[in-house]
Amino acid sequence: QVQLAESGGGLVQPGGSLRLSCAASGSISSISVMGWYRQAPGKERERVAVIFSAGSTNYADSVKGRFTLSRDTAKKTVYLQMNSLKPEDTAVYYCNVVAMVVSGLRNYWGQGTQVTVSS
């Protein structure tokens, strides 16, 4: 089984910053993709930023230039640095990992962490 431990959400004023962390643990042979999605009330879940096994990253257009995704491969951890936050960034942020485990390639989700951008 794979567990994802998320941290770092909270309330921040517009223009502020937050850093989210997500650590994967369990019987993981390798990680193919790891990153963050978000879901705002009444909207579908959307990809925010992901990093692939080779190190390349992909960002949603709405966060490019403001958010930075990094990782510590040894710790199986990703970090999402969010700067210049806007009210429209308010959402529940979910960590996601696609990992090779004993039973094959599997997709896992964290429980979600709330990010609220408001004055």
PDB file of N, CA and C in Angstrom:
ATOM      1  N   GLN A   1       0.850  -1.195   0.000  1.00  0.00           N
ATOM      2  CA  GLN A   1       0.000   0.000   0.000  1.00  0.00           C
ATOM      3  C   GLN A   1       0.884   1.243   0.000  1.00  0.00           C
ATOM      4  N   VAL A   2       0.361   2.288  -0.592  1.00  0.00           N
ATOM      5  CA  VAL A   2       1.064   3.562  -0.704  1.00  0.00           C
ATOM      6  C   VAL A   2       0.298   4.627   0.074  1.00  0.00           C
ATOM      7  N   GLN A   3       1.015   5.409   0.827  1.00  0.00           N
ATOM      8  CA  GLN A   3       0.421   6.530   1.551  1.00  0.00           C
ATOM      9  C   GLN A   3       1.046   7.834   1.082  1.00  0.00           C
ATOM     10  N   LEU A   4       0.211   8.877   1.021  1.00  0.00           N
ATOM     11  CA  LEU A   4       0.667  10.219   0.663  1.00  0.00           C
ATOM     12  C   LEU A   4       0.369  11.144   1.827  1.00  0.00           C
ATOM     13  N   ALA A   5       1.415  11.778   2.348  1.00  0.00           N
ATOM     14  CA  ALA A   5       1.267  12.700   3.471  1.00  0.00           C
ATOM     15  C   ALA A   5       1.432  14.121   2.962  1.00  0.00           C
ATOM     16  N   GLU A   6       0.353  14.878   2.990  1.00  0.00           N
ATOM     17  CA  GLU A   6       0.339  16.247   2.500  1.00  0.00           C
ATOM     18  C   GLU A   6       0.429  17.229   3.669  1.00  0.00           C
ATOM     19  N   SER A   7       1.033  18.367   3.408  1.00  0.00           N
ATOM     20  CA  SER A   7       1.080  19.421   4.418  1.00  0.00           C
ATOM     21  C   SER A   7       1.278  20.762   3.743  1.00  0.00           C
ATOM     22  N   GLY A   8       0.970  21.821   4.472  1.00  0.00           N
ATOM     23  CA  GLY A   8       1.294  23.161   4.013  1.00  0.00           C
ATOM     24  C   GLY A   8       0.143  24.038   3.589  1.00  0.00           C
ATOM     25  N   GLY A   9      -1.064  23.544   3.589  1.00  0.00           N
ATOM     26  CA  GLY A   9      -2.181  24.383   3.198  1.00  0.00           C
ATOM     27  C   GLY A   9      -2.497  25.416   4.263  1.00  0.00           C
ATOM     28  N   GLY A  10      -3.433  26.305   3.941  1.00  0.00           N
ATOM     29  CA  GLY A  10      -3.826  27.305   4.920  1.00  0.00           C
ATOM     30  C   GLY A  10      -4.465  28.513   4.282  1.00  0.00           C
ATOM     31  N   LEU A  11      -4.570  29.570   5.090  1.00  0.00           N
ATOM     32  CA  LEU A  11      -5.173  30.827   4.652  1.00  0.00           C
ATOM     33  C   LEU A  11      -4.067  31.846   4.405  1.00  0.00           C
ATOM     34  N   VAL A  12      -4.132  32.511   3.273  1.00  0.00           N
ATOM     35  CA  VAL A  12      -3.119  33.498   2.929  1.00  0.00           C
ATOM     36  C   VAL A  12      -3.790  34.660   2.197  1.00  0.00           C
ATOM     37  N   GLN A  13      -3.214  35.841   2.355  1.00  0.00           N
ATOM     38  CA  GLN A  13      -3.759  36.996   1.652  1.00  0.00           C
ATOM     39  C   GLN A  13      -3.334  37.002   0.192  1.00  0.00           C
ATOM     40  N   PRO A  14      -4.102  37.652  -0.667  1.00  0.00           N
ATOM     41  CA  PRO A  14      -3.681  37.775  -2.072  1.00  0.00           C
ATOM     42  C   PRO A  14      -2.276  38.363  -2.181  1.00  0.00           C
ATOM     43  N   GLY A  15      -1.491  37.771  -3.069  1.00  0.00           N
ATOM     44  CA  GLY A  15      -0.103  38.175  -3.220  1.00  0.00           C
ATOM     45  C   GLY A  15       0.854  37.428  -2.337  1.00  0.00           C
ATOM     46  N   GLY A  16       0.325  36.650  -1.406  1.00  0.00           N
ATOM     47  CA  GLY A  16       1.157  35.900  -0.485  1.00  0.00           C
ATOM     48  C   GLY A  16       1.662  34.590  -1.070  1.00  0.00           C
ATOM     49  N   SER A  17       2.349  33.833  -0.215  1.00  0.00           N
ATOM     50  CA  SER A  17       2.965  32.572  -0.641  1.00  0.00           C
ATOM     51  C   SER A  17       2.634  31.448   0.331  1.00  0.00           C
ATOM     52  N   LEU A  18       2.622  30.256  -0.214  1.00  0.00           N
ATOM     53  CA  LEU A  18       2.497  29.034   0.573  1.00  0.00           C
ATOM     54  C   LEU A  18       3.349  27.961  -0.079  1.00  0.00           C
ATOM     55  N   ARG A  19       3.771  26.987   0.710  1.00  0.00           N
ATOM     56  CA  ARG A  19       4.473  25.841   0.159  1.00  0.00           C
ATOM     57  C   ARG A  19       3.779  24.569   0.620  1.00  0.00           C
ATOM     58  N   LEU A  20       3.410  23.764  -0.362  1.00  0.00           N
ATOM     59  CA  LEU A  20       2.805  22.464  -0.090  1.00  0.00           C
ATOM     60  C   LEU A  20       3.862  21.380  -0.218  1.00  0.00           C
ATOM     61  N   SER A  21       3.747  20.371   0.643  1.00  0.00           N
ATOM     62  CA  SER A  21       4.638  19.217   0.575  1.00  0.00           C
ATOM     63  C   SER A  21       3.818  17.948   0.494  1.00  0.00           C
ATOM     64  N   CYS A  22       4.368  16.971  -0.196  1.00  0.00           N
ATOM     65  CA  CYS A  22       3.715  15.672  -0.284  1.00  0.00           C
ATOM     66  C   CYS A  22       4.788  14.603  -0.279  1.00  0.00           C
ATOM     67  N   ALA A  23       4.711  13.725   0.708  1.00  0.00           N
ATOM     68  CA  ALA A  23       5.671  12.639   0.841  1.00  0.00           C
ATOM     69  C   ALA A  23       4.975  11.309   0.616  1.00  0.00           C
ATOM     70  N   ALA A  24       5.534  10.511  -0.274  1.00  0.00           N
ATOM     71  CA  ALA A  24       4.993   9.186  -0.555  1.00  0.00           C
ATOM     72  C   ALA A  24       5.761   8.145   0.234  1.00  0.00           C
ATOM     73  N   SER A  25       5.028   7.170   0.732  1.00  0.00           N
ATOM     74  CA  SER A  25       5.667   6.074   1.458  1.00  0.00           C
ATOM     75  C   SER A  25       4.934   4.780   1.156  1.00  0.00           C
ATOM     76  N   GLY A  26       5.585   3.665   1.474  1.00  0.00           N
ATOM     77  CA  GLY A  26       4.992   2.368   1.210  1.00  0.00           C
ATOM     78  C   GLY A  26       5.858   1.567   0.247  1.00  0.00           C
ATOM     79  N   SER A  27       5.263   0.546  -0.305  1.00  0.00           N
ATOM     80  CA  SER A  27       5.995  -0.396  -1.162  1.00  0.00           C
ATOM     81  C   SER A  27       6.086   0.112  -2.599  1.00  0.00           C
ATOM     82  N   ILE A  28       6.905   1.129  -2.776  1.00  0.00           N
ATOM     83  CA  ILE A  28       7.060   1.770  -4.077  1.00  0.00           C
ATOM     84  C   ILE A  28       8.366   1.338  -4.722  1.00  0.00           C
ATOM     85  N   SER A  29       8.276   0.793  -5.922  1.00  0.00           N
ATOM     86  CA  SER A  29       9.490   0.442  -6.667  1.00  0.00           C
ATOM     87  C   SER A  29      10.049   1.659  -7.392  1.00  0.00           C
ATOM     88  N   SER A  30       9.158   2.424  -7.993  1.00  0.00           N
ATOM     89  CA  SER A  30       9.567   3.634  -8.696  1.00  0.00           C
ATOM     90  C   SER A  30       8.359   4.546  -8.856  1.00  0.00           C
ATOM     91  N   ILE A  31       8.645   5.811  -9.089  1.00  0.00           N
ATOM     92  CA  ILE A  31       7.583   6.788  -9.309  1.00  0.00           C
ATOM     93  C   ILE A  31       7.665   7.301 -10.737  1.00  0.00           C
ATOM     94  N   SER A  32       6.562   7.227 -11.450  1.00  0.00           N
ATOM     95  CA  SER A  32       6.519   7.707 -12.832  1.00  0.00           C
ATOM     96  C   SER A  32       6.195   9.190 -12.905  1.00  0.00           C
ATOM     97  N   VAL A  33       5.193   9.589 -12.134  1.00  0.00           N
ATOM     98  CA  VAL A  33       4.734  10.975 -12.131  1.00  0.00           C
ATOM     99  C   VAL A  33       4.285  11.322 -10.720  1.00  0.00           C
ATOM    100  N   MET A  34       4.545  12.544 -10.310  1.00  0.00           N
ATOM    101  CA  MET A  34       4.097  12.980  -8.995  1.00  0.00           C
ATOM    102  C   MET A  34       3.810  14.467  -9.061  1.00  0.00           C
ATOM    103  N   GLY A  35       2.739  14.898  -8.404  1.00  0.00           N
ATOM    104  CA  GLY A  35       2.433  16.314  -8.445  1.00  0.00           C
ATOM    105  C   GLY A  35       1.144  16.665  -7.748  1.00  0.00           C
ATOM    106  N   TRP A  36       0.574  17.785  -8.171  1.00  0.00           N
ATOM    107  CA  TRP A  36      -0.576  18.356  -7.494  1.00  0.00           C
ATOM    108  C   TRP A  36      -1.709  18.669  -8.464  1.00  0.00           C
ATOM    109  N   TYR A  37      -2.915  18.390  -8.003  1.00  0.00           N
ATOM    110  CA  TYR A  37      -4.139  18.787  -8.655  1.00  0.00           C
ATOM    111  C   TYR A  37      -4.929  19.643  -7.665  1.00  0.00           C
ATOM    112  N   ARG A  38      -5.928  20.325  -8.158  1.00  0.00           N
ATOM    113  CA  ARG A  38      -6.779  21.104  -7.256  1.00  0.00           C
ATOM    114  C   ARG A  38      -8.221  21.069  -7.737  1.00  0.00           C
ATOM    115  N   GLN A  39      -9.118  21.287  -6.771  1.00  0.00           N
ATOM    116  CA  GLN A  39     -10.535  21.324  -7.087  1.00  0.00           C
ATOM    117  C   GLN A  39     -11.191  22.428  -6.286  1.00  0.00           C
ATOM    118  N   ALA A  40     -11.743  23.385  -6.993  1.00  0.00           N
ATOM    119  CA  ALA A  40     -12.480  24.480  -6.371  1.00  0.00           C
ATOM    120  C   ALA A  40     -13.962  24.111  -6.303  1.00  0.00           C
ATOM    121  N   PRO A  41     -14.696  24.724  -5.404  1.00  0.00           N
ATOM    122  CA  PRO A  41     -16.121  24.403  -5.277  1.00  0.00           C
ATOM    123  C   PRO A  41     -16.858  24.578  -6.600  1.00  0.00           C
ATOM    124  N   GLY A  42     -17.611  23.561  -6.984  1.00  0.00           N
ATOM    125  CA  GLY A  42     -18.394  23.624  -8.202  1.00  0.00           C
ATOM    126  C   GLY A  42     -17.620  23.424  -9.482  1.00  0.00           C
ATOM    127  N   LYS A  43     -16.330  23.126  -9.362  1.00  0.00           N
ATOM    128  CA  LYS A  43     -15.500  22.938 -10.547  1.00  0.00           C
ATOM    129  C   LYS A  43     -14.891  21.541 -10.560  1.00  0.00           C
ATOM    130  N   GLU A  44     -14.419  21.147 -11.745  1.00  0.00           N
ATOM    131  CA  GLU A  44     -13.773  19.854 -11.866  1.00  0.00           C
ATOM    132  C   GLU A  44     -12.332  19.935 -11.337  1.00  0.00           C
ATOM    133  N   ARG A  45     -11.824  18.788 -10.952  1.00  0.00           N
ATOM    134  CA  ARG A  45     -10.436  18.722 -10.524  1.00  0.00           C
ATOM    135  C   ARG A  45      -9.535  19.002 -11.725  1.00  0.00           C
ATOM    136  N   GLU A  46      -8.499  19.810 -11.510  1.00  0.00           N
ATOM    137  CA  GLU A  46      -7.599  20.152 -12.584  1.00  0.00           C
ATOM    138  C   GLU A  46      -6.152  19.939 -12.163  1.00  0.00           C
ATOM    139  N   ARG A  47      -5.322  19.644 -13.157  1.00  0.00           N
ATOM    140  CA  ARG A  47      -3.910  19.486 -12.901  1.00  0.00           C
ATOM    141  C   ARG A  47      -3.289  20.853 -12.646  1.00  0.00           C
ATOM    142  N   VAL A  48      -2.455  20.927 -11.591  1.00  0.00           N
ATOM    143  CA  VAL A  48      -1.735  22.158 -11.294  1.00  0.00           C
ATOM    144  C   VAL A  48      -0.299  22.056 -11.790  1.00  0.00           C
ATOM    145  N   ALA A  49       0.394  21.039 -11.327  1.00  0.00           N
ATOM    146  CA  ALA A  49       1.794  20.856 -11.716  1.00  0.00           C
ATOM    147  C   ALA A  49       2.199  19.424 -11.425  1.00  0.00           C
ATOM    148  N   VAL A  50       2.955  18.829 -12.335  1.00  0.00           N
ATOM    149  CA  VAL A  50       3.453  17.476 -12.140  1.00  0.00           C
ATOM    150  C   VAL A  50       4.903  17.418 -12.572  1.00  0.00           C
ATOM    151  N   ILE A  51       5.615  16.450 -12.010  1.00  0.00           N
ATOM    152  CA  ILE A  51       6.998  16.214 -12.398  1.00  0.00           C
ATOM    153  C   ILE A  51       7.128  14.746 -12.774  1.00  0.00           C
ATOM    154  N   PHE A  52       7.799  14.496 -13.880  1.00  0.00           N
ATOM    155  CA  PHE A  52       7.951  13.152 -14.403  1.00  0.00           C
ATOM    156  C   PHE A  52       9.257  12.539 -13.907  1.00  0.00           C
ATOM    157  N   SER A  53       9.382  11.255 -14.075  1.00  0.00           N
ATOM    158  CA  SER A  53      10.524  10.536 -13.526  1.00  0.00           C
ATOM    159  C   SER A  53      11.854  11.094 -14.030  1.00  0.00           C
ATOM    160  N   ALA A  54      11.875  11.559 -15.279  1.00  0.00           N
ATOM    161  CA  ALA A  54      13.115  12.098 -15.843  1.00  0.00           C
ATOM    162  C   ALA A  54      13.411  13.517 -15.365  1.00  0.00           C
ATOM    163  N   GLY A  55      12.452  14.117 -14.675  1.00  0.00           N
ATOM    164  CA  GLY A  55      12.673  15.441 -14.119  1.00  0.00           C
ATOM    165  C   GLY A  55      11.965  16.580 -14.806  1.00  0.00           C
ATOM    166  N   SER A  56      11.335  16.314 -15.930  1.00  0.00           N
ATOM    167  CA  SER A  56      10.604  17.384 -16.602  1.00  0.00           C
ATOM    168  C   SER A  56       9.325  17.700 -15.843  1.00  0.00           C
ATOM    169  N   THR A  57       8.867  18.932 -16.003  1.00  0.00           N
ATOM    170  CA  THR A  57       7.674  19.375 -15.298  1.00  0.00           C
ATOM    171  C   THR A  57       6.629  19.899 -16.277  1.00  0.00           C
ATOM    172  N   ASN A  58       5.397  19.903 -15.805  1.00  0.00           N
ATOM    173  CA  ASN A  58       4.293  20.433 -16.584  1.00  0.00           C
ATOM    174  C   ASN A  58       3.424  21.251 -15.656  1.00  0.00           C
ATOM    175  N   TYR A  59       3.101  22.470 -16.083  1.00  0.00           N
ATOM    176  CA  TYR A  59       2.292  23.370 -15.267  1.00  0.00           C
ATOM    177  C   TYR A  59       1.020  23.783 -15.995  1.00  0.00           C
ATOM    178  N   ALA A  60      -0.022  23.998 -15.227  1.00  0.00           N
ATOM    179  CA  ALA A  60      -1.217  24.606 -15.803  1.00  0.00           C
ATOM    180  C   ALA A  60      -0.879  26.035 -16.211  1.00  0.00           C
ATOM    181  N   ASP A  61      -1.479  26.498 -17.295  1.00  0.00           N
ATOM    182  CA  ASP A  61      -1.212  27.854 -17.774  1.00  0.00           C
ATOM    183  C   ASP A  61      -1.497  28.897 -16.691  1.00  0.00           C
ATOM    184  N   SER A  62      -2.499  28.635 -15.887  1.00  0.00           N
ATOM    185  CA  SER A  62      -2.927  29.619 -14.888  1.00  0.00           C
ATOM    186  C   SER A  62      -1.916  29.812 -13.758  1.00  0.00           C
ATOM    187  N   VAL A  63      -0.959  28.894 -13.624  1.00  0.00           N
ATOM    188  CA  VAL A  63       0.009  29.007 -12.524  1.00  0.00           C
ATOM    189  C   VAL A  63       1.433  29.215 -13.013  1.00  0.00           C
ATOM    190  N   LYS A  64       1.648  29.163 -14.307  1.00  0.00           N
ATOM    191  CA  LYS A  64       3.003  29.338 -14.841  1.00  0.00           C
ATOM    192  C   LYS A  64       3.579  30.680 -14.414  1.00  0.00           C
ATOM    193  N   GLY A  65       4.821  30.638 -13.970  1.00  0.00           N
ATOM    194  CA  GLY A  65       5.483  31.855 -13.521  1.00  0.00           C
ATOM    195  C   GLY A  65       5.220  32.193 -12.067  1.00  0.00           C
ATOM    196  N   ARG A  66       4.263  31.527 -11.458  1.00  0.00           N
ATOM    197  CA  ARG A  66       3.944  31.791 -10.047  1.00  0.00           C
ATOM    198  C   ARG A  66       4.223  30.590  -9.149  1.00  0.00           C
ATOM    199  N   PHE A  67       3.979  29.400  -9.671  1.00  0.00           N
ATOM    200  CA  PHE A  67       4.173  28.174  -8.901  1.00  0.00           C
ATOM    201  C   PHE A  67       5.417  27.448  -9.408  1.00  0.00           C
ATOM    202  N   THR A  68       6.114  26.804  -8.469  1.00  0.00           N
ATOM    203  CA  THR A  68       7.274  26.002  -8.831  1.00  0.00           C
ATOM    204  C   THR A  68       7.204  24.658  -8.120  1.00  0.00           C
ATOM    205  N   LEU A  69       7.312  23.614  -8.905  1.00  0.00           N
ATOM    206  CA  LEU A  69       7.291  22.252  -8.374  1.00  0.00           C
ATOM    207  C   LEU A  69       8.708  21.705  -8.340  1.00  0.00           C
ATOM    208  N   SER A  70       9.100  21.166  -7.203  1.00  0.00           N
ATOM    209  CA  SER A  70      10.412  20.549  -7.077  1.00  0.00           C
ATOM    210  C   SER A  70      10.268  19.230  -6.334  1.00  0.00           C
ATOM    211  N   ARG A  71      11.346  18.473  -6.301  1.00  0.00           N
ATOM    212  CA  ARG A  71      11.255  17.179  -5.648  1.00  0.00           C
ATOM    213  C   ARG A  71      12.569  16.808  -4.959  1.00  0.00           C
ATOM    214  N   ASP A  72      12.412  15.931  -3.981  1.00  0.00           N
ATOM    215  CA  ASP A  72      13.543  15.260  -3.349  1.00  0.00           C
ATOM    216  C   ASP A  72      13.335  13.780  -3.643  1.00  0.00           C
ATOM    217  N   THR A  73      14.040  13.277  -4.614  1.00  0.00           N
ATOM    218  CA  THR A  73      13.814  11.909  -5.079  1.00  0.00           C
ATOM    219  C   THR A  73      14.060  10.886  -3.973  1.00  0.00           C
ATOM    220  N   ALA A  74      15.104  11.087  -3.203  1.00  0.00           N
ATOM    221  CA  ALA A  74      15.436  10.135  -2.145  1.00  0.00           C
ATOM    222  C   ALA A  74      14.337  10.045  -1.103  1.00  0.00           C
ATOM    223  N   LYS A  75      13.674  11.161  -0.855  1.00  0.00           N
ATOM    224  CA  LYS A  75      12.602  11.198   0.140  1.00  0.00           C
ATOM    225  C   LYS A  75      11.232  10.943  -0.481  1.00  0.00           C
ATOM    226  N   LYS A  76      11.174  10.759  -1.796  1.00  0.00           N
ATOM    227  CA  LYS A  76       9.897  10.562  -2.484  1.00  0.00           C
ATOM    228  C   LYS A  76       8.920  11.692  -2.125  1.00  0.00           C
ATOM    229  N   THR A  77       9.430  12.895  -2.177  1.00  0.00           N
ATOM    230  CA  THR A  77       8.672  14.059  -1.752  1.00  0.00           C
ATOM    231  C   THR A  77       8.687  15.120  -2.845  1.00  0.00           C
ATOM    232  N   VAL A  78       7.546  15.762  -3.045  1.00  0.00           N
ATOM    233  CA  VAL A  78       7.473  16.906  -3.933  1.00  0.00           C
ATOM    234  C   VAL A  78       7.039  18.134  -3.143  1.00  0.00           C
ATOM    235  N   TYR A  79       7.479  19.280  -3.631  1.00  0.00           N
ATOM    236  CA  TYR A  79       7.176  20.549  -2.993  1.00  0.00           C
ATOM    237  C   TYR A  79       6.581  21.482  -4.040  1.00  0.00           C
ATOM    238  N   LEU A  80       5.479  22.128  -3.683  1.00  0.00           N
ATOM    239  CA  LEU A  80       4.871  23.100  -4.577  1.00  0.00           C
ATOM    240  C   LEU A  80       4.982  24.467  -3.924  1.00  0.00           C
ATOM    241  N   GLN A  81       5.869  25.287  -4.438  1.00  0.00           N
ATOM    242  CA  GLN A  81       6.017  26.649  -3.953  1.00  0.00           C
ATOM    243  C   GLN A  81       5.047  27.529  -4.725  1.00  0.00           C
ATOM    244  N   MET A  82       4.143  28.151  -4.002  1.00  0.00           N
ATOM    245  CA  MET A  82       3.103  28.964  -4.621  1.00  0.00           C
ATOM    246  C   MET A  82       3.299  30.418  -4.222  1.00  0.00           C
ATOM    247  N   ASN A  83       3.619  31.241  -5.202  1.00  0.00           N
ATOM    248  CA  ASN A  83       3.840  32.670  -4.962  1.00  0.00           C
ATOM    249  C   ASN A  83       2.776  33.489  -5.687  1.00  0.00           C
ATOM    250  N   SER A  84       2.680  34.749  -5.303  1.00  0.00           N
ATOM    251  CA  SER A  84       1.722  35.663  -5.931  1.00  0.00           C
ATOM    252  C   SER A  84       0.335  35.042  -5.997  1.00  0.00           C
ATOM    253  N   LEU A  85      -0.090  34.489  -4.903  1.00  0.00           N
ATOM    254  CA  LEU A  85      -1.369  33.778  -4.878  1.00  0.00           C
ATOM    255  C   LEU A  85      -2.537  34.723  -5.131  1.00  0.00           C
ATOM    256  N   LYS A  86      -3.533  34.179  -5.808  1.00  0.00           N
ATOM    257  CA  LYS A  86      -4.730  34.929  -6.175  1.00  0.00           C
ATOM    258  C   LYS A  86      -5.957  34.258  -5.564  1.00  0.00           C
ATOM    259  N   PRO A  87      -7.033  34.999  -5.378  1.00  0.00           N
ATOM    260  CA  PRO A  87      -8.257  34.382  -4.848  1.00  0.00           C
ATOM    261  C   PRO A  87      -8.712  33.172  -5.680  1.00  0.00           C
ATOM    262  N   GLU A  88      -8.475  33.211  -6.975  1.00  0.00           N
ATOM    263  CA  GLU A  88      -8.892  32.095  -7.823  1.00  0.00           C
ATOM    264  C   GLU A  88      -8.024  30.849  -7.640  1.00  0.00           C
ATOM    265  N   ASP A  89      -6.972  30.946  -6.856  1.00  0.00           N
ATOM    266  CA  ASP A  89      -6.192  29.764  -6.498  1.00  0.00           C
ATOM    267  C   ASP A  89      -6.816  28.994  -5.339  1.00  0.00           C
ATOM    268  N   THR A  90      -7.841  29.555  -4.736  1.00  0.00           N
ATOM    269  CA  THR A  90      -8.517  28.894  -3.625  1.00  0.00           C
ATOM    270  C   THR A  90      -9.125  27.577  -4.087  1.00  0.00           C
ATOM    271  N   ALA A  91      -8.761  26.505  -3.388  1.00  0.00           N
ATOM    272  CA  ALA A  91      -9.217  25.166  -3.759  1.00  0.00           C
ATOM    273  C   ALA A  91      -8.684  24.162  -2.746  1.00  0.00           C
ATOM    274  N   VAL A  92      -9.175  22.950  -2.857  1.00  0.00           N
ATOM    275  CA  VAL A  92      -8.539  21.832  -2.161  1.00  0.00           C
ATOM    276  C   VAL A  92      -7.480  21.274  -3.104  1.00  0.00           C
ATOM    277  N   TYR A  93      -6.269  21.186  -2.603  1.00  0.00           N
ATOM    278  CA  TYR A  93      -5.150  20.703  -3.398  1.00  0.00           C
ATOM    279  C   TYR A  93      -4.873  19.245  -3.030  1.00  0.00           C
ATOM    280  N   TYR A  94      -4.781  18.418  -4.068  1.00  0.00           N
ATOM    281  CA  TYR A  94      -4.579  16.989  -3.882  1.00  0.00           C
ATOM    282  C   TYR A  94      -3.239  16.562  -4.463  1.00  0.00           C
ATOM    283  N   CYS A  95      -2.492  15.822  -3.672  1.00  0.00           N
ATOM    284  CA  CYS A  95      -1.264  15.215  -4.175  1.00  0.00           C
ATOM    285  C   CYS A  95      -1.625  13.952  -4.956  1.00  0.00           C
ATOM    286  N   ASN A  96      -0.888  13.718  -6.024  1.00  0.00           N
ATOM    287  CA  ASN A  96      -1.121  12.535  -6.853  1.00  0.00           C
ATOM    288  C   ASN A  96       0.206  11.891  -7.210  1.00  0.00           C
ATOM    289  N   VAL A  97       0.228  10.584  -7.190  1.00  0.00           N
ATOM    290  CA  VAL A  97       1.422   9.864  -7.620  1.00  0.00           C
ATOM    291  C   VAL A  97       1.024   8.664  -8.461  1.00  0.00           C
ATOM    292  N   VAL A  98       1.762   8.458  -9.524  1.00  0.00           N
ATOM    293  CA  VAL A  98       1.641   7.248 -10.335  1.00  0.00           C
ATOM    294  C   VAL A  98       2.913   6.456 -10.066  1.00  0.00           C
ATOM    295  N   ALA A  99       2.754   5.322  -9.415  1.00  0.00           N
ATOM    296  CA  ALA A  99       3.913   4.585  -8.924  1.00  0.00           C
ATOM    297  C   ALA A  99       3.848   3.124  -9.308  1.00  0.00           C
ATOM    298  N   MET A 100       5.017   2.547  -9.482  1.00  0.00           N
ATOM    299  CA  MET A 100       5.116   1.112  -9.725  1.00  0.00           C
ATOM    300  C   MET A 100       5.179   0.408  -8.375  1.00  0.00           C
ATOM    301  N   VAL A 101       4.201  -0.450  -8.139  1.00  0.00           N
ATOM    302  CA  VAL A 101       4.156  -1.250  -6.916  1.00  0.00           C
ATOM    303  C   VAL A 101       4.125  -2.715  -7.323  1.00  0.00           C
ATOM    304  N   VAL A 102       3.998  -3.599  -6.338  1.00  0.00           N
ATOM    305  CA  VAL A 102       4.066  -5.034  -6.623  1.00  0.00           C
ATOM    306  C   VAL A 102       3.029  -5.454  -7.662  1.00  0.00           C
ATOM    307  N   SER A 103       1.853  -4.855  -7.577  1.00  0.00           N
ATOM    308  CA  SER A 103       0.748  -5.262  -8.449  1.00  0.00           C
ATOM    309  C   SER A 103       0.772  -4.551  -9.793  1.00  0.00           C
ATOM    310  N   GLY A 104       1.753  -3.685 -10.009  1.00  0.00           N
ATOM    311  CA  GLY A 104       1.843  -2.968 -11.274  1.00  0.00           C
ATOM    312  C   GLY A 104       1.825  -1.462 -11.066  1.00  0.00           C
ATOM    313  N   LEU A 105       1.543  -0.743 -12.174  1.00  0.00           N
ATOM    314  CA  LEU A 105       1.515   0.720 -12.121  1.00  0.00           C
ATOM    315  C   LEU A 105       0.165   1.161 -11.553  1.00  0.00           C
ATOM    316  N   ARG A 106       0.217   1.945 -10.508  1.00  0.00           N
ATOM    317  CA  ARG A 106      -1.014   2.361  -9.831  1.00  0.00           C
ATOM    318  C   ARG A 106      -1.025   3.870  -9.598  1.00  0.00           C
ATOM    319  N   ASN A 107      -2.247   4.397  -9.471  1.00  0.00           N
ATOM    320  CA  ASN A 107      -2.480   5.823  -9.274  1.00  0.00           C
ATOM    321  C   ASN A 107      -3.006   6.054  -7.857  1.00  0.00           C
ATOM    322  N   TYR A 108      -2.388   6.972  -7.131  1.00  0.00           N
ATOM    323  CA  TYR A 108      -2.782   7.219  -5.744  1.00  0.00           C
ATOM    324  C   TYR A 108      -3.039   8.704  -5.524  1.00  0.00           C
ATOM    325  N   TRP A 109      -3.994   8.974  -4.616  1.00  0.00           N
ATOM    326  CA  TRP A 109      -4.352  10.348  -4.265  1.00  0.00           C
ATOM    327  C   TRP A 109      -4.190  10.577  -2.760  1.00  0.00           C
ATOM    328  N   GLY A 110      -3.773  11.803  -2.424  1.00  0.00           N
ATOM    329  CA  GLY A 110      -3.770  12.204  -1.030  1.00  0.00           C
ATOM    330  C   GLY A 110      -5.163  12.623  -0.599  1.00  0.00           C
ATOM    331  N   GLN A 111      -5.298  12.960   0.684  1.00  0.00           N
ATOM    332  CA  GLN A 111      -6.617  13.298   1.220  1.00  0.00           C
ATOM    333  C   GLN A 111      -7.014  14.741   0.909  1.00  0.00           C
ATOM    334  N   GLY A 112      -6.065  15.544   0.487  1.00  0.00           N
ATOM    335  CA  GLY A 112      -6.353  16.931   0.125  1.00  0.00           C
ATOM    336  C   GLY A 112      -6.011  17.899   1.244  1.00  0.00           C
ATOM    337  N   THR A 113      -5.575  19.090   0.846  1.00  0.00           N
ATOM    338  CA  THR A 113      -5.288  20.151   1.809  1.00  0.00           C
ATOM    339  C   THR A 113      -5.890  21.449   1.271  1.00  0.00           C
ATOM    340  N   GLN A 114      -6.555  22.175   2.146  1.00  0.00           N
ATOM    341  CA  GLN A 114      -7.262  23.382   1.729  1.00  0.00           C
ATOM    342  C   GLN A 114      -6.300  24.558   1.617  1.00  0.00           C
ATOM    343  N   VAL A 115      -6.400  25.261   0.503  1.00  0.00           N
ATOM    344  CA  VAL A 115      -5.694  26.527   0.299  1.00  0.00           C
ATOM    345  C   VAL A 115      -6.748  27.602   0.069  1.00  0.00           C
ATOM    346  N   THR A 116      -6.731  28.614   0.918  1.00  0.00           N
ATOM    347  CA  THR A 116      -7.684  29.715   0.801  1.00  0.00           C
ATOM    348  C   THR A 116      -6.918  31.019   0.664  1.00  0.00           C
ATOM    349  N   VAL A 117      -7.214  31.747  -0.411  1.00  0.00           N
ATOM    350  CA  VAL A 117      -6.569  33.033  -0.668  1.00  0.00           C
ATOM    351  C   VAL A 117      -7.638  34.107  -0.534  1.00  0.00           C
ATOM    352  N   SER A 118      -7.521  34.877   0.528  1.00  0.00           N
ATOM    353  CA  SER A 118      -8.559  35.867   0.816  1.00  0.00           C
ATOM    354  C   SER A 118      -7.999  36.948   1.720  1.00  0.00           C
ATOM    355  N   SER A 119      -8.528  38.163   1.548  1.00  0.00           N
ATOM    356  CA  SER A 119      -8.134  39.269   2.415  1.00  0.00           C
ATOM    357  C   SER A 119      -9.119  39.410   3.568  1.00  0.00           C
TER     358      SER A 119
END
